[in-house]
Amino acid sequence: MNVRGDSPREARAAARSEEVSFGYTRVGAPEKKRLVSGQFDAIARRYDLADAILSFGLHLYWKRWGIDRLALKDGDLVLDVCGGTGDLALLAGARVAPLGRAFVYDFNGPMMCAGRAKAERSRFAGNVLFVEGDAEEMSFPDAVFDAITVGFGIRNLVHLDRGLSEMHRVLKPGGRLMILEFSLPVHAWFRRLYDFYSFRMMPLGARIICGAAGPHRYLAESIRVFDSPERVVERLENAGFSDVRLRRLTDGISVVYLARKR
């Protein structure tokens, strides 16, 4: 809705001129979407390997912890928003089988291509489907899914509130939401260590594993300019979710947000 009464051409020009954060850089909103996609293009083939090594395997613990809190059951329909290579969808697919389905929804083709290859090696391959699309404008009708997951993807949205509103729209009444996102350590000594690892060691490791350091440098920057966990809770509540709560894992490096649609 164009509440200012601008012409469609003026509205489009305003959208193009809007600036958002891409790490420490300010870019136009359409440019961020292109840049984020390009980051994943560069590392899609070895993304899972880099994730496992650079997180010391913790990412799997965080993902299983979050999925366990959804209490999924056979027959549920689950949407994994910004699902990438499908880790959360595969975990969900195992819990909703044989009658349920988990959908990976992502705008990056190479990441989903890597995810499909991984899913084909799983015995729950038939329960995991891949759909390419924009999380801020989903191609699903209202009130379809029993649960939604997001794994470290809300930082990459251009308009976070729009994405959260879309998640709320496609959830059934009573549906559950689980978001995993990075944040900063609670304790100062650990934050100093984390800063050193994030800006010095992680990009170096990423260059060795993936052949590109830029995507992981962006990762480190984007964590530091993103909303605090308390602000994310506010945004979830403003999007219409209820029973919103958070849990910090590994001294706050990872935060799990749990919520429900009324």
Protein backbone atom coordinates (compact mmCIF):
# COMPACT_ATOMS: atom_id res chain seq x y z
CA MET A 1 0.00 0.00 0.00
CA ASN A 2 1.40 3.38 -1.00
CA VAL A 3 0.28 5.49 1.97
CA ARG A 4 2.11 8.63 0.79
CA GLY A 5 0.20 8.77 -2.47
CA ASP A 6 3.35 8.50 -4.62
CA SER A 7 3.03 7.30 -8.17
CA PRO A 8 4.20 3.71 -8.85
CA ARG A 9 7.33 5.14 -10.50
CA GLU A 10 8.11 7.27 -7.43
CA ALA A 11 7.49 4.31 -5.11
CA ARG A 12 9.92 2.17 -7.09
CA ALA A 13 12.52 4.94 -7.05
CA ALA A 14 12.15 5.28 -3.26
CA ALA A 15 12.66 1.52 -2.84
CA ARG A 16 15.81 1.67 -4.96
CA SER A 17 17.20 4.58 -2.95
CA GLU A 18 16.58 2.91 0.44
CA GLU A 19 19.83 1.94 2.13
CA VAL A 20 20.30 -1.13 4.33
CA SER A 21 23.29 -2.78 5.94
CA PHE A 22 25.41 -5.32 4.11
CA GLY A 23 27.87 -6.04 6.88
CA TYR A 24 29.59 -2.75 7.67
CA THR A 25 28.61 -1.27 4.30
CA ARG A 26 25.40 0.59 3.44
CA VAL A 27 23.88 -0.45 0.11
CA GLY A 28 20.58 -0.09 -1.70
CA ALA A 29 17.92 -2.64 -0.81
CA PRO A 30 17.95 -4.46 -4.19
CA GLU A 31 21.76 -4.48 -4.09
CA LYS A 32 21.83 -6.27 -0.74
CA LYS A 33 19.71 -9.09 -2.14
CA ARG A 34 22.10 -9.47 -5.07
CA LEU A 35 25.19 -9.31 -2.86
CA VAL A 36 23.89 -11.85 -0.34
CA SER A 37 23.04 -14.28 -3.12
CA GLY A 38 26.50 -13.81 -4.58
CA GLN A 39 28.11 -14.64 -1.24
CA PHE A 40 26.41 -18.02 -1.22
CA ASP A 41 27.11 -18.66 -4.92
CA ALA A 42 30.81 -18.53 -4.09
CA ILE A 43 30.74 -21.15 -1.33
CA ALA A 44 27.69 -23.35 -2.03
CA ARG A 45 29.66 -26.42 -3.12
CA ARG A 46 31.69 -26.59 0.13
CA TYR A 47 29.29 -24.75 2.43
CA ASP A 48 28.43 -27.77 4.60
CA LEU A 49 32.08 -28.73 5.05
CA ALA A 50 33.02 -25.18 6.04
CA ASP A 51 30.05 -24.98 8.40
CA ALA A 52 31.09 -28.17 10.18
CA ILE A 53 34.77 -27.28 10.52
CA LEU A 54 34.48 -23.58 11.34
CA SER A 55 31.74 -24.11 13.94
CA PHE A 56 33.63 -27.11 15.44
CA GLY A 57 30.45 -29.13 14.84
CA LEU A 58 28.38 -26.93 17.14
CA HIS A 59 25.98 -25.96 14.35
CA LEU A 60 24.50 -29.48 14.37
CA TYR A 61 23.95 -29.35 18.13
CA TRP A 62 22.22 -25.98 17.81
CA LYS A 63 20.00 -27.20 14.96
CA ARG A 64 18.98 -30.40 16.73
CA TRP A 65 18.24 -28.47 19.93
CA GLY A 66 15.96 -26.11 18.04
CA ILE A 67 14.16 -28.83 16.09
CA ASP A 68 13.56 -30.80 19.28
CA ARG A 69 11.68 -27.82 20.76
CA LEU A 70 9.11 -27.88 17.95
CA ALA A 71 7.70 -31.27 18.99
CA LEU A 72 7.03 -32.22 15.36
CA LYS A 73 4.87 -35.23 14.61
CA ASP A 74 4.09 -37.52 11.70
CA GLY A 75 2.02 -35.70 9.10
CA ASP A 76 3.15 -32.15 9.90
CA LEU A 77 4.03 -29.74 7.12
CA VAL A 78 7.21 -27.78 7.87
CA LEU A 79 8.70 -24.83 5.99
CA ASP A 80 12.45 -24.19 6.29
CA VAL A 81 12.80 -20.52 5.32
CA CYS A 82 16.22 -19.45 4.00
CA GLY A 83 16.83 -23.18 4.10
CA GLY A 84 19.98 -23.30 1.98
CA THR A 85 21.41 -26.81 1.90
CA GLY A 86 18.54 -28.17 3.97
CA ASP A 87 20.00 -29.24 7.32
CA LEU A 88 16.93 -28.19 9.31
CA ALA A 89 14.55 -29.55 6.70
CA LEU A 90 16.26 -32.95 6.80
CA LEU A 91 16.04 -33.04 10.59
CA ALA A 92 12.37 -32.05 10.38
CA GLY A 93 11.67 -34.49 7.56
CA ALA A 94 12.85 -37.37 9.73
CA ARG A 95 10.36 -36.38 12.43
CA VAL A 96 7.31 -35.83 10.21
CA ALA A 97 7.80 -38.99 8.09
CA PRO A 98 6.20 -40.87 6.53
CA LEU A 99 3.14 -38.69 5.94
CA GLY A 100 4.55 -35.21 6.52
CA ARG A 101 6.77 -33.02 4.37
CA ALA A 102 9.49 -30.44 4.97
CA PHE A 103 9.98 -27.73 2.34
CA VAL A 104 13.30 -25.95 1.84
CA TYR A 105 12.55 -22.39 0.72
CA ASP A 106 15.50 -20.31 -0.47
CA PHE A 107 16.38 -17.80 -3.19
CA ASN A 108 19.81 -19.23 -3.96
CA GLY A 109 19.88 -21.95 -6.61
CA PRO A 110 23.43 -23.28 -6.03
CA MET A 111 22.77 -23.73 -2.30
CA MET A 112 19.59 -25.67 -2.96
CA CYS A 113 21.36 -27.74 -5.62
CA ALA A 114 23.88 -28.80 -2.96
CA GLY A 115 20.98 -29.49 -0.60
CA ARG A 116 19.16 -31.69 -3.11
CA ALA A 117 22.27 -33.82 -3.58
CA LYS A 118 22.50 -34.24 0.19
CA ALA A 119 18.80 -35.03 0.53
CA GLU A 120 19.04 -37.73 -2.11
CA ARG A 121 21.49 -39.57 0.12
CA SER A 122 19.02 -39.53 3.02
CA ARG A 123 16.40 -42.19 3.65
CA PHE A 124 13.93 -39.35 4.17
CA ALA A 125 14.59 -37.84 0.74
CA GLY A 126 10.94 -38.25 -0.24
CA ASN A 127 9.87 -36.11 2.71
CA VAL A 128 12.04 -33.09 1.79
CA LEU A 129 11.09 -30.81 -1.12
CA PHE A 130 12.87 -27.73 -2.51
CA VAL A 131 11.19 -24.52 -3.63
CA GLU A 132 13.06 -21.46 -4.89
CA GLY A 133 11.62 -18.13 -3.79
CA ASP A 134 11.91 -14.90 -1.82
CA ALA A 135 11.28 -15.12 1.94
CA GLU A 136 9.84 -11.60 1.92
CA GLU A 137 7.16 -12.54 -0.62
CA MET A 138 6.40 -16.24 -0.28
CA SER A 139 4.62 -18.23 -2.96
CA PHE A 140 2.33 -20.07 -0.53
CA PRO A 141 -1.29 -19.44 0.48
CA ASP A 142 -2.26 -18.42 4.00
CA ALA A 143 -2.19 -20.85 6.95
CA VAL A 144 -0.52 -23.84 5.29
CA PHE A 145 2.29 -24.95 7.60
CA ASP A 146 2.31 -26.52 11.05
CA ALA A 147 5.82 -25.24 11.77
CA ILE A 148 8.47 -22.94 10.33
CA THR A 149 12.22 -23.06 10.87
CA VAL A 150 14.92 -20.53 9.96
CA GLY A 151 18.58 -21.38 10.38
CA PHE A 152 20.88 -18.34 10.52
CA GLY A 153 19.00 -16.56 7.76
CA ILE A 154 17.07 -13.62 9.17
CA ARG A 155 20.22 -11.44 9.19
CA ASN A 156 20.26 -11.73 5.41
CA LEU A 157 16.74 -10.47 4.82
CA VAL A 158 16.52 -7.00 3.34
CA HIS A 159 13.31 -6.21 5.23
CA LEU A 160 13.17 -8.36 8.36
CA ASP A 161 9.70 -7.25 9.43
CA ARG A 162 8.31 -8.15 6.01
CA GLY A 163 9.86 -11.61 6.23
CA LEU A 164 8.49 -12.22 9.72
CA SER A 165 5.04 -11.08 8.59
CA GLU A 166 5.16 -13.58 5.73
CA MET A 167 6.14 -16.38 8.11
CA HIS A 168 3.20 -15.47 10.32
CA ARG A 169 0.88 -15.44 7.30
CA VAL A 170 1.72 -18.94 6.05
CA LEU A 171 1.61 -20.58 9.50
CA LYS A 172 -1.59 -22.26 10.63
CA PRO A 173 -3.23 -20.90 13.80
CA GLY A 174 -1.36 -22.56 16.65
CA GLY A 175 1.64 -23.17 14.37
CA ARG A 176 5.16 -22.99 15.81
CA LEU A 177 8.16 -20.95 14.73
CA MET A 178 11.79 -21.73 15.52
CA ILE A 179 14.55 -19.34 14.46
CA LEU A 180 18.27 -19.87 14.98
CA GLU A 181 20.45 -16.81 14.60
CA PHE A 182 23.95 -15.74 15.55
CA SER A 183 24.61 -13.13 18.19
CA LEU A 184 27.51 -12.04 20.38
CA PRO A 185 28.83 -13.83 23.48
CA VAL A 186 27.50 -12.73 26.86
CA HIS A 187 30.83 -12.67 28.67
CA ALA A 188 33.42 -10.01 27.75
CA TRP A 189 36.41 -12.37 27.76
CA PHE A 190 34.66 -14.76 25.38
CA ARG A 191 33.57 -11.86 23.15
CA ARG A 192 37.20 -10.79 22.73
CA LEU A 193 38.16 -14.35 21.77
CA TYR A 194 35.16 -14.56 19.45
CA ASP A 195 36.14 -11.28 17.74
CA PHE A 196 39.64 -12.59 17.09
CA TYR A 197 38.30 -15.87 15.72
CA SER A 198 35.61 -14.19 13.60
CA PHE A 199 37.83 -11.62 11.90
CA ARG A 200 41.17 -13.40 11.78
CA MET A 201 40.83 -17.17 11.89
CA MET A 202 37.45 -17.80 10.29
CA PRO A 203 38.09 -15.92 7.01
CA LEU A 204 41.46 -17.67 6.72
CA GLY A 205 39.85 -21.05 7.27
CA ALA A 206 37.11 -20.23 4.79
CA ARG A 207 39.67 -19.28 2.16
CA ILE A 208 41.40 -22.64 2.60
CA ILE A 209 38.16 -24.67 2.58
CA CYS A 210 36.01 -22.73 0.10
CA GLY A 211 38.55 -20.69 -1.82
CA ALA A 212 36.89 -17.41 -0.72
CA ALA A 213 37.16 -15.43 2.52
CA GLY A 214 34.65 -12.70 1.66
CA PRO A 215 31.44 -14.56 2.59
CA HIS A 216 32.70 -15.33 6.09
CA ARG A 217 33.99 -11.80 6.56
CA TYR A 218 30.48 -10.64 5.71
CA LEU A 219 29.15 -13.18 8.21
CA ALA A 220 31.28 -11.69 11.00
CA GLU A 221 30.26 -8.14 10.13
CA SER A 222 26.56 -8.93 9.74
CA ILE A 223 26.40 -10.48 13.22
CA ARG A 224 27.72 -7.28 14.73
CA VAL A 225 25.30 -4.92 12.98
CA PHE A 226 22.24 -7.12 13.48
CA ASP A 227 19.55 -6.53 16.11
CA SER A 228 20.05 -7.60 19.71
CA PRO A 229 18.14 -10.73 20.76
CA GLU A 230 15.75 -8.55 22.76
CA ARG A 231 14.99 -6.46 19.66
CA VAL A 232 14.34 -9.60 17.61
CA VAL A 233 11.79 -10.66 20.24
CA GLU A 234 10.08 -7.27 19.86
CA ARG A 235 9.95 -7.67 16.11
CA LEU A 236 8.41 -11.14 16.42
CA GLU A 237 5.74 -9.80 18.74
CA ASN A 238 5.06 -6.89 16.39
CA ALA A 239 4.61 -9.40 13.55
CA GLY A 240 1.79 -11.02 15.53
CA PHE A 241 3.54 -13.95 17.19
CA SER A 242 2.73 -14.93 20.76
CA ASP A 243 4.56 -16.89 23.47
CA VAL A 244 7.83 -15.48 22.14
CA ARG A 245 10.90 -16.53 24.06
CA LEU A 246 14.62 -16.90 23.47
CA ARG A 247 17.37 -19.18 24.64
CA ARG A 248 21.07 -18.37 24.32
CA LEU A 249 23.32 -21.30 23.45
CA THR A 250 27.13 -21.49 23.81
CA ASP A 251 27.34 -18.25 25.80
CA GLY A 252 25.08 -16.48 23.31
CA ILE A 253 26.94 -17.21 20.07
CA SER A 254 23.73 -18.81 18.86
CA VAL A 255 20.23 -17.77 19.93
CA VAL A 256 17.08 -19.84 19.54
CA TYR A 257 13.81 -17.93 19.20
CA LEU A 258 10.58 -19.84 19.75
CA ALA A 259 7.12 -18.45 19.06
CA ARG A 260 3.59 -19.43 18.14
CA LYS A 261 0.84 -18.07 15.94
CA ARG A 262 -2.35 -17.39 17.88
